Amino acid sequence: MLELKRDIYEKLIEWKKQDSGKVLELNGARQVGKTFILDKFARENYKRYFYINMMQTSGKEFVECYYAATSWKPGEKRIERPLQKTFELFDETFVDDKNTIVVIDEIQESAEVYSMIRQFARDFSCHFVVTGSYLGKTLSKEYFLPAGDIDTMVLDTLSYEEFLGTVGLRNAYDNLDLYGQGKQEEYEELKKWYDIYIQIGGYPAVVKCYLETKDMEKCKEELANIIRIFVNESERYFNDVLEVNLFEQLFPSIAQSMIKESKGSSDLISELSKIIFKDESDRITQKSVNQAIAWLYRSHIIGYCDKISECNLMDVSYHSRFYFRDIGVARHFLRIAGADQATVEGIINENFVYFYLERLIRERKLAGTSPAFGVYKGGEIDFFVRSLENDKDYAIEVKSGKNIGKTANMILKDGKADYLYLLKGDTHGGVVEKKKYTVPIYLIGRITFDN
């Protein structure tokens, strides 16, 4: 069976070595491979591995064991450390030491078990990992949020470089010169696979479908099925009929907002409500849209992009634009929204760059809470970032063809940015002039923003 190597595996190994004493919460969208990678990690690195799924029989059995360990009648002796006893009742082979790992999947299904996280972290020696595709539910008031007792990681769909690893080109990617000094055939080979990647995206099932069949239509069907499952499963978490009815409409509406809002929106929820309902929406409708959007964000389906005015990082408008968290999903809904091919390719390339900037923010290498685009003197720069490595500002222009934006050059000329990166699809890269660089867009993940 084809196994996809994931970069997060090494991060899991490092987490085990650090032994922070905290519970690891692994976040990520539905069907990105969280359960698979945790199963592999647990089996290969621990002597004892206990898996509990709160949506399956094991979860029900665990809760029953907990009730048995905590039940008490007058005259009976109370059980000391009832949670420890719970695990012993659940599996008599349980040992609380560093060679044991407990993985609790779909933990959002039980507020009671989620509220045990603090005890898992403080009262046990063994390692705990909790995960779920719909952890947004844990923001409900009945869930206790143990922020100080949790380490977090995010598993995204396969990145472009992980995708390259499936075809034996990861080493070529890692070592190819950013500025055109490598072998021409290597640039062309990586570009060929980039063009495939931005067609299918990175969901493991879709990637496997492509590698096994090379059939784009089958890949589209596989992706559509993943989207359908996500929508169907998400709807059961909504109580309001209106929210359920609008949820499926959100995806093409978000794509339409990506097409319409070239300079972002100061009130993205109102604009999205108007797209969906075609007229001025009342407060109840906007509240419903806001809740559904928050659900998509917490489920790692969409991400926000901020806006920086006049390249001033102190003048930021938050949540001014959406991007999807998978290229295949973005393309799917852009096409449904009726975008022409040139528009689709332009947004897809921007969306691709967004992934990598968001990852660097998550790793605290870039400032901000989300990637941001910039507006300057009536024009726009695709992204504007400040490096936490050297406190320098970088303007980033994304071009699928040969054009170079006037705004990007103006920003550099006026000293609003220290460096300008031109990310293009038809280049092998090069230094255009001092402080201005062209880099193949598919090598964005190699830029470190520390020059």
Protein backbone atom coordinates (compact mmCIF):
# COMPACT_ATOMS: atom_id res chain seq x y z
CA MET A 1 0.00 0.00 0.00
CA LEU A 2 1.27 3.48 -0.91
CA GLU A 3 2.35 5.39 2.20
CA LEU A 4 2.73 9.16 2.08
CA LYS A 5 5.63 10.50 4.14
CA ARG A 6 4.61 13.49 6.26
CA ASP A 7 6.97 16.13 7.64
CA ILE A 8 5.03 16.33 10.91
CA TYR A 9 6.35 12.90 11.88
CA GLU A 10 9.73 14.40 12.82
CA LYS A 11 7.96 17.07 14.88
CA LEU A 12 6.12 14.34 16.76
CA ILE A 13 9.45 12.64 17.49
CA GLU A 14 10.80 15.93 18.83
CA TRP A 15 7.69 16.41 21.00
CA LYS A 16 8.27 12.99 22.55
CA LYS A 17 11.91 13.85 23.31
CA GLN A 18 11.01 17.19 24.89
CA ASP A 19 8.61 15.44 27.29
CA SER A 20 6.92 18.75 28.18
CA GLY A 21 4.40 17.14 30.49
CA LYS A 22 1.59 18.65 28.39
CA VAL A 23 -1.07 16.96 26.32
CA LEU A 24 -0.54 17.32 22.57
CA GLU A 25 -3.55 18.56 20.62
CA LEU A 26 -3.20 17.71 16.92
CA ASN A 27 -5.42 19.93 14.78
CA GLY A 28 -6.30 19.58 11.12
CA ALA A 29 -9.13 19.26 8.65
CA ARG A 30 -11.15 16.11 8.01
CA GLN A 31 -9.21 13.39 6.15
CA VAL A 32 -5.77 15.01 6.20
CA GLY A 33 -4.32 11.90 7.83
CA LYS A 34 -4.23 12.75 11.55
CA THR A 35 -5.27 9.29 12.75
CA PHE A 36 -2.89 7.55 10.33
CA ILE A 37 0.19 9.57 11.31
CA LEU A 38 -0.56 9.24 15.03
CA ASP A 39 -1.04 5.49 14.70
CA LYS A 40 2.31 5.21 12.91
CA PHE A 41 4.04 7.45 15.47
CA ALA A 42 2.60 5.58 18.45
CA ARG A 43 3.38 2.10 17.17
CA GLU A 44 6.93 2.94 16.17
CA ASN A 45 7.96 4.92 19.26
CA TYR A 46 6.19 3.46 22.33
CA LYS A 47 5.96 0.06 23.96
CA ARG A 48 2.28 0.50 24.84
CA TYR A 49 -0.31 2.29 22.73
CA PHE A 50 -3.96 2.84 23.68
CA TYR A 51 -6.38 4.30 21.13
CA ILE A 52 -9.76 5.70 22.14
CA ASN A 53 -12.21 7.11 19.60
CA MET A 54 -15.05 9.09 21.18
CA MET A 55 -17.28 8.45 18.15
CA GLN A 56 -16.82 4.68 18.34
CA THR A 57 -17.28 1.83 20.81
CA SER A 58 -13.94 2.47 22.50
CA GLY A 59 -15.08 5.95 23.53
CA LYS A 60 -18.32 4.63 25.02
CA GLU A 61 -16.40 1.93 26.91
CA PHE A 62 -13.93 4.49 28.26
CA VAL A 63 -16.75 6.67 29.63
CA GLU A 64 -18.42 3.62 31.21
CA CYS A 65 -15.11 2.75 32.89
CA TYR A 66 -14.87 6.30 34.18
CA TYR A 67 -18.35 6.12 35.70
CA ALA A 68 -17.46 2.78 37.30
CA ALA A 69 -14.29 4.25 38.79
CA THR A 70 -16.01 7.39 40.12
CA SER A 71 -19.27 5.91 41.35
CA TRP A 72 -19.52 5.77 45.12
CA LYS A 73 -22.13 4.66 47.59
CA PRO A 74 -22.34 5.43 51.32
CA GLY A 75 -20.25 2.96 53.28
CA GLU A 76 -17.98 2.16 50.34
CA LYS A 77 -14.35 3.23 50.20
CA ARG A 78 -13.68 5.85 47.56
CA ILE A 79 -11.29 4.85 44.79
CA GLU A 80 -8.05 6.79 44.94
CA ARG A 81 -6.92 8.30 41.61
CA PRO A 82 -10.17 7.33 39.82
CA LEU A 83 -8.91 8.47 36.42
CA GLN A 84 -5.90 6.17 36.73
CA LYS A 85 -8.34 3.40 37.68
CA THR A 86 -10.42 4.26 34.61
CA PHE A 87 -7.56 3.36 32.30
CA GLU A 88 -6.86 0.16 34.23
CA LEU A 89 -10.51 -0.86 33.87
CA PHE A 90 -10.43 0.10 30.19
CA ASP A 91 -7.34 -2.07 29.56
CA GLU A 92 -5.69 -4.15 32.26
CA THR A 93 -2.32 -3.83 30.49
CA PHE A 94 -2.24 -0.05 31.06
CA VAL A 95 0.96 1.21 32.71
CA ASP A 96 1.50 4.85 33.52
CA ASP A 97 5.05 5.49 32.36
CA LYS A 98 7.02 7.18 29.55
CA ASN A 99 6.73 4.08 27.36
CA THR A 100 2.94 4.48 27.15
CA ILE A 101 0.96 6.74 24.83
CA VAL A 102 -2.79 7.34 24.84
CA VAL A 103 -4.41 8.78 21.71
CA ILE A 104 -7.96 10.10 22.13
CA ASP A 105 -9.55 10.77 18.74
CA GLU A 106 -12.67 12.85 18.00
CA ILE A 107 -12.44 14.25 21.53
CA GLN A 108 -14.88 17.03 20.65
CA GLU A 109 -17.67 14.46 21.08
CA SER A 110 -17.31 14.54 24.87
CA ALA A 111 -17.08 17.73 26.91
CA GLU A 112 -16.53 15.52 29.95
CA VAL A 113 -13.46 13.78 28.49
CA TYR A 114 -12.10 17.02 27.01
CA SER A 115 -12.29 18.54 30.49
CA MET A 116 -9.98 15.77 31.74
CA ILE A 117 -7.03 17.16 29.74
CA ARG A 118 -5.66 19.05 32.74
CA GLN A 119 -5.62 15.82 34.74
CA PHE A 120 -4.00 13.95 31.85
CA ALA A 121 -1.21 16.53 31.83
CA ARG A 122 -0.69 16.87 35.58
CA ASP A 123 -1.51 13.48 37.09
CA PHE A 124 0.06 11.05 34.60
CA SER A 125 3.59 10.20 33.45
CA CYS A 126 2.50 8.68 30.13
CA HIS A 127 2.00 10.77 27.00
CA PHE A 128 -1.42 11.89 25.75
CA VAL A 129 -2.46 13.10 22.31
CA VAL A 130 -5.96 14.38 21.59
CA THR A 131 -7.32 15.16 18.16
CA GLY A 132 -10.45 15.68 16.12
CA SER A 133 -11.58 17.25 12.87
CA TYR A 134 -14.25 19.41 14.48
CA LEU A 135 -12.53 20.86 17.54
CA GLY A 136 -14.43 24.11 16.97
CA LYS A 137 -17.17 22.49 19.02
CA THR A 138 -14.93 22.78 22.09
CA LEU A 139 -15.52 26.55 22.10
CA SER A 140 -18.99 25.83 23.51
CA LYS A 141 -19.50 26.88 27.12
CA GLU A 142 -19.68 23.32 28.47
CA TYR A 143 -16.05 22.68 27.48
CA PHE A 144 -13.26 23.59 29.89
CA LEU A 145 -10.31 24.97 27.91
CA PRO A 146 -7.02 23.90 29.56
CA ALA A 147 -4.75 26.29 27.62
CA GLY A 148 -1.73 25.95 29.89
CA ASP A 149 -1.73 22.17 29.71
CA ILE A 150 -1.71 21.75 25.92
CA ASP A 151 0.94 21.74 23.20
CA THR A 152 -0.51 22.18 19.72
CA MET A 153 0.42 21.06 16.22
CA VAL A 154 -1.40 21.41 12.93
CA LEU A 155 -1.46 18.77 10.20
CA ASP A 156 -2.34 20.35 6.86
CA THR A 157 -3.02 18.60 3.57
CA LEU A 158 0.17 17.53 1.78
CA SER A 159 2.43 20.45 0.95
CA TYR A 160 4.00 20.73 -2.48
CA GLU A 161 7.33 19.46 -1.15
CA GLU A 162 5.65 16.50 0.55
CA PHE A 163 3.92 15.82 -2.77
CA LEU A 164 7.30 15.87 -4.49
CA GLY A 165 8.51 13.33 -1.97
CA THR A 166 5.94 10.85 -3.31
CA VAL A 167 7.63 10.96 -6.74
CA GLY A 168 11.24 10.98 -5.51
CA LEU A 169 11.93 14.69 -6.08
CA ARG A 170 12.16 15.99 -2.51
CA ASN A 171 15.95 16.09 -2.60
CA ALA A 172 15.92 18.04 -5.86
CA TYR A 173 13.52 20.55 -4.29
CA ASP A 174 15.60 20.92 -1.13
CA ASN A 175 18.81 21.64 -3.04
CA LEU A 176 17.79 23.55 -6.17
CA ASP A 177 19.21 27.08 -6.33
CA LEU A 178 16.55 29.77 -5.81
CA TYR A 179 18.08 32.18 -8.30
CA GLY A 180 18.50 30.18 -11.48
CA GLN A 181 21.94 28.62 -10.98
CA GLY A 182 20.71 25.03 -10.97
CA LYS A 183 20.18 22.61 -13.81
CA GLN A 184 17.50 23.76 -16.24
CA GLU A 185 15.89 20.34 -16.45
CA GLU A 186 15.40 20.29 -12.67
CA TYR A 187 13.48 23.58 -12.71
CA GLU A 188 11.33 22.28 -15.53
CA GLU A 189 10.66 19.00 -13.73
CA LEU A 190 9.60 20.73 -10.52
CA LYS A 191 7.41 23.15 -12.50
CA LYS A 192 5.70 20.20 -14.19
CA TRP A 193 4.80 18.69 -10.83
CA TYR A 194 3.75 22.09 -9.47
CA ASP A 195 1.24 22.36 -12.31
CA ILE A 196 -0.14 18.97 -11.30
CA TYR A 197 -0.21 19.82 -7.59
CA ILE A 198 -2.22 23.01 -8.08
CA GLN A 199 -4.77 20.97 -10.02
CA ILE A 200 -5.36 18.27 -7.41
CA GLY A 201 -4.31 19.79 -4.06
CA GLY A 202 -2.94 17.86 -1.12
CA TYR A 203 -5.64 15.69 0.43
CA PRO A 204 -3.95 12.28 0.88
CA ALA A 205 -6.79 10.35 -0.79
CA VAL A 206 -6.69 12.65 -3.82
CA VAL A 207 -2.89 12.46 -4.08
CA LYS A 208 -3.04 8.66 -3.91
CA CYS A 209 -5.75 8.66 -6.55
CA TYR A 210 -3.55 10.67 -8.90
CA LEU A 211 -0.42 8.59 -8.28
CA GLU A 212 -2.32 5.36 -8.89
CA THR A 213 -4.48 6.42 -11.86
CA LYS A 214 -3.11 9.71 -13.31
CA ASP A 215 -6.80 10.43 -13.94
CA MET A 216 -7.72 14.05 -13.16
CA GLU A 217 -11.46 13.36 -13.39
CA LYS A 218 -11.23 10.63 -10.76
CA CYS A 219 -9.22 13.01 -8.57
CA LYS A 220 -11.98 15.60 -8.87
CA GLU A 221 -14.56 12.99 -7.87
CA GLU A 222 -12.45 11.99 -4.85
CA LEU A 223 -12.14 15.62 -3.75
CA ALA A 224 -15.86 16.25 -4.23
CA ASN A 225 -16.56 13.24 -2.01
CA ILE A 226 -14.27 14.61 0.74
CA ILE A 227 -16.08 17.96 0.59
CA ARG A 228 -19.46 16.25 0.71
CA ILE A 229 -18.47 14.22 3.78
CA PHE A 230 -17.21 17.34 5.54
CA VAL A 231 -20.43 19.25 4.84
CA ASN A 232 -22.65 16.37 5.95
CA GLU A 233 -20.69 15.80 9.15
CA SER A 234 -20.46 19.50 9.99
CA GLU A 235 -24.18 20.11 9.65
CA ARG A 236 -24.99 17.87 12.59
CA TYR A 237 -23.17 20.30 14.87
CA PHE A 238 -25.53 23.15 13.95
CA ASN A 239 -28.79 23.55 15.84
CA ASP A 240 -30.36 26.34 13.82
CA VAL A 241 -32.16 25.38 10.59
CA LEU A 242 -30.97 28.57 8.91
CA GLU A 243 -27.35 27.74 9.65
CA VAL A 244 -27.76 24.25 8.19
CA ASN A 245 -29.35 25.60 5.02
CA LEU A 246 -26.70 28.24 4.38
CA PHE A 247 -23.68 26.09 5.20
CA GLU A 248 -23.33 24.43 1.81
CA GLN A 249 -23.83 27.79 0.08
CA LEU A 250 -20.81 29.22 1.87
CA PHE A 251 -18.13 27.55 -0.22
CA PRO A 252 -18.93 29.02 -3.65
CA SER A 253 -19.83 32.30 -1.92
CA ILE A 254 -16.37 32.44 -0.34
CA ALA A 255 -14.89 31.80 -3.79
CA GLN A 256 -16.97 34.66 -5.18
CA SER A 257 -15.68 36.94 -2.42
CA MET A 258 -12.11 36.00 -3.39
CA ILE A 259 -12.86 37.08 -6.94
CA LYS A 260 -14.74 40.28 -6.03
CA GLU A 261 -12.74 41.69 -3.15
CA SER A 262 -9.45 42.55 -4.89
CA LYS A 263 -8.67 45.10 -2.17
CA GLY A 264 -10.31 43.20 0.66
CA SER A 265 -13.35 44.18 2.67
CA SER A 266 -13.73 46.09 5.91
CA ASP A 267 -16.77 43.94 6.74
CA LEU A 268 -16.24 40.55 5.18
CA ILE A 269 -19.21 38.90 6.88
CA SER A 270 -21.67 41.53 5.59
CA GLU A 271 -20.27 41.22 2.09
CA LEU A 272 -20.53 37.44 2.24
CA SER A 273 -24.11 37.65 3.51
CA LYS A 274 -25.02 39.82 0.52
CA ILE A 275 -23.49 37.31 -1.89
CA ILE A 276 -25.47 34.46 -0.35
CA PHE A 277 -28.80 36.19 0.09
CA LYS A 278 -28.57 38.74 -2.75
CA ASP A 279 -29.92 41.54 -0.59
CA GLU A 280 -29.25 43.44 2.62
CA SER A 281 -29.05 40.87 5.40
CA ASP A 282 -30.47 41.37 8.87
CA ARG A 283 -28.48 40.89 12.05
CA ILE A 284 -29.70 37.33 12.60
CA THR A 285 -28.52 36.28 9.14
CA GLN A 286 -25.12 37.90 9.62
CA LYS A 287 -24.77 36.16 12.97
CA SER A 288 -25.49 32.82 11.29
CA VAL A 289 -22.92 33.50 8.55
CA ASN A 290 -20.38 34.54 11.16
CA GLN A 291 -20.90 31.32 13.12
CA ALA A 292 -20.62 29.16 10.01
CA ILE A 293 -17.46 30.97 8.87
CA ALA A 294 -15.95 30.50 12.32
CA TRP A 295 -16.73 26.80 12.01
CA LEU A 296 -14.92 26.58 8.65
CA TYR A 297 -11.94 28.40 10.12
CA ARG A 298 -11.76 26.19 13.21
CA SER A 299 -12.13 23.12 10.98
CA HIS A 300 -9.06 24.23 8.96
CA ILE A 301 -10.98 24.60 5.71
CA ILE A 302 -10.41 28.33 5.28
CA GLY A 303 -7.91 30.89 6.53
CA TYR A 304 -8.05 34.64 6.93
CA CYS A 305 -5.82 37.23 5.29
CA ASP A 306 -5.35 40.70 6.79
CA LYS A 307 -4.82 44.03 5.02
CA ILE A 308 -1.96 46.48 5.68
CA SER A 309 -2.66 50.05 4.55
CA GLU A 310 0.15 52.09 2.98
CA CYS A 311 2.65 49.39 4.02
CA ASN A 312 2.30 50.48 7.65
CA LEU A 313 2.26 47.42 9.90
CA MET A 314 0.53 49.48 12.60
CA ASP A 315 -2.42 50.07 10.26
CA VAL A 316 -3.91 46.60 9.90
CA SER A 317 -7.46 45.59 9.04
CA TYR A 318 -8.01 42.03 10.25
CA HIS A 319 -9.87 39.32 8.34
CA SER A 320 -10.17 41.24 5.08
CA ARG A 321 -9.95 38.30 2.70
CA PHE A 322 -10.38 34.54 2.67
CA TYR A 323 -8.16 31.79 1.32
CA PHE A 324 -8.81 28.06 1.29
CA ARG A 325 -6.49 25.72 3.18
CA ASP A 326 -6.16 23.34 0.24
CA ILE A 327 -5.42 24.20 -3.39
CA GLY A 328 -7.71 21.50 -4.77
CA VAL A 329 -10.65 22.81 -2.71
CA ALA A 330 -9.91 26.39 -3.80
CA ARG A 331 -9.88 25.42 -7.48
CA HIS A 332 -13.05 23.35 -7.10
CA PHE A 333 -15.10 26.23 -5.72
CA LEU A 334 -13.56 28.92 -7.91
CA ARG A 335 -14.73 26.94 -10.93
CA ILE A 336 -18.19 26.46 -9.39
CA ALA A 337 -18.33 30.23 -8.78
CA GLY A 338 -17.84 30.74 -12.53
CA ALA A 339 -14.37 32.31 -12.56
CA ASP A 340 -12.58 32.32 -15.90
CA GLN A 341 -9.34 30.38 -16.29
CA ALA A 342 -7.01 33.39 -15.93
CA THR A 343 -8.74 34.49 -12.73
CA VAL A 344 -8.61 30.97 -11.32
CA GLU A 345 -4.88 30.63 -11.99
CA GLY A 346 -4.13 34.02 -10.47
CA ILE A 347 -6.00 33.29 -7.24
CA ILE A 348 -4.63 29.74 -7.04
CA ASN A 349 -1.05 31.01 -7.21
CA GLU A 350 -1.76 33.55 -4.46
CA ASN A 351 -3.45 30.85 -2.38
CA PHE A 352 -0.36 28.65 -2.79
CA VAL A 353 1.92 31.39 -1.44
CA TYR A 354 -0.55 32.07 1.40
CA PHE A 355 0.02 28.52 2.75
CA TYR A 356 3.72 29.07 3.23
CA LEU A 357 3.45 32.50 4.80
CA GLU A 358 0.84 31.18 7.21
CA ARG A 359 3.17 28.34 8.16
CA LEU A 360 6.02 30.78 8.86
CA ILE A 361 3.70 32.86 11.06
CA ARG A 362 2.72 29.70 12.92
CA GLU A 363 6.43 28.96 13.43
CA ARG A 364 6.96 32.54 14.68
CA LYS A 365 9.34 33.44 11.88
CA LEU A 366 7.07 36.16 10.48
CA ALA A 367 5.15 38.83 12.41
CA GLY A 368 1.37 38.91 12.62
CA THR A 369 -1.45 36.49 13.28
CA SER A 370 -2.32 35.89 9.60
CA PRO A 371 -0.64 36.66 6.26
CA ALA A 372 -1.49 40.13 4.98
CA PHE A 373 -1.72 41.83 1.62
CA GLY A 374 -0.91 45.52 1.26
CA VAL A 375 -2.49 48.53 -0.40
CA TYR A 376 -0.24 51.44 -1.35
CA LYS A 377 -1.05 54.65 -3.23
CA GLY A 378 -4.15 53.12 -4.77
CA GLY A 379 -2.38 49.92 -5.82
CA GLU A 380 -1.99 46.51 -4.22
CA ILE A 381 0.87 44.20 -3.28
CA ASP A 382 -0.06 40.54 -2.96
CA PHE A 383 1.63 40.07 0.43
CA PHE A 384 3.58 42.27 2.81
CA VAL A 385 5.48 40.65 5.69
CA ARG A 386 7.93 41.50 8.44
CA SER A 387 10.55 38.93 9.33
CA LEU A 388 11.12 38.13 12.99
CA GLU A 389 14.53 36.83 11.98
CA ASN A 390 15.95 40.24 11.03
CA ASP A 391 13.11 42.80 11.47
CA LYS A 392 13.16 43.56 7.72
CA ASP A 393 10.06 44.16 5.61
CA TYR A 394 9.39 42.19 2.44
CA ALA A 395 6.96 42.91 -0.38
CA ILE A 396 5.85 39.81 -2.29
CA GLU A 397 4.36 39.95 -5.78
CA VAL A 398 2.81 36.76 -7.16
CA LYS A 399 2.72 36.49 -10.94
CA SER A 400 1.85 33.44 -13.02
CA GLY A 401 3.27 35.06 -16.16
CA LYS A 402 5.92 37.64 -17.01
CA ASN A 403 4.28 40.82 -15.71
CA ILE A 404 5.76 42.79 -12.82
CA GLY A 405 3.38 45.02 -10.88
CA LYS A 406 4.02 48.76 -10.74
CA THR A 407 2.95 48.90 -7.10
CA ALA A 408 5.61 46.38 -6.10
CA ASN A 409 8.38 48.46 -7.68
CA MET A 410 6.99 51.67 -6.15
CA ILE A 411 6.99 50.13 -2.67
CA LEU A 412 10.65 49.19 -3.02
CA LYS A 413 11.63 52.53 -4.56
CA ASP A 414 9.88 54.51 -1.80
CA GLY A 415 11.66 52.53 0.90
CA LYS A 416 8.48 50.96 2.26
CA ALA A 417 10.04 47.50 1.95
CA ASP A 418 13.63 46.38 2.41
CA TYR A 419 13.32 43.64 -0.21
CA LEU A 420 11.00 42.63 -3.02
CA TYR A 421 10.37 39.05 -4.06
CA LEU A 422 8.76 38.38 -7.44
CA LEU A 423 7.28 34.88 -7.44
CA LYS A 424 6.61 33.73 -10.97
CA GLY A 425 5.63 30.56 -12.72
CA ASP A 426 7.79 30.89 -15.83
CA THR A 427 11.15 31.76 -14.27
CA HIS A 428 14.15 29.85 -13.00
CA GLY A 429 14.86 32.76 -10.66
CA GLY A 430 17.51 35.43 -10.47
CA VAL A 431 18.60 38.69 -8.88
CA VAL A 432 16.92 41.44 -10.91
CA GLU A 433 18.75 44.19 -9.09
CA LYS A 434 19.85 44.93 -5.57
CA LYS A 435 17.07 44.05 -3.10
CA LYS A 436 14.84 42.63 -5.86
CA TYR A 437 14.72 38.90 -6.50
CA THR A 438 12.78 36.61 -8.79
CA VAL A 439 12.11 33.12 -7.47
CA PRO A 440 10.10 30.28 -9.04
CA ILE A 441 6.77 30.30 -7.25
CA TYR A 442 7.04 26.60 -6.49
CA LEU A 443 10.18 27.32 -4.39
CA ILE A 444 8.40 29.75 -2.00
CA GLY A 445 8.84 27.19 0.78
CA ARG A 446 12.63 27.59 0.50
CA ILE A 447 12.63 31.37 1.15
CA THR A 448 13.74 32.04 4.74
CA PHE A 449 13.27 35.85 4.94
CA ASP A 450 16.55 36.33 6.79
CA ASN A 451 18.73 38.03 4.12
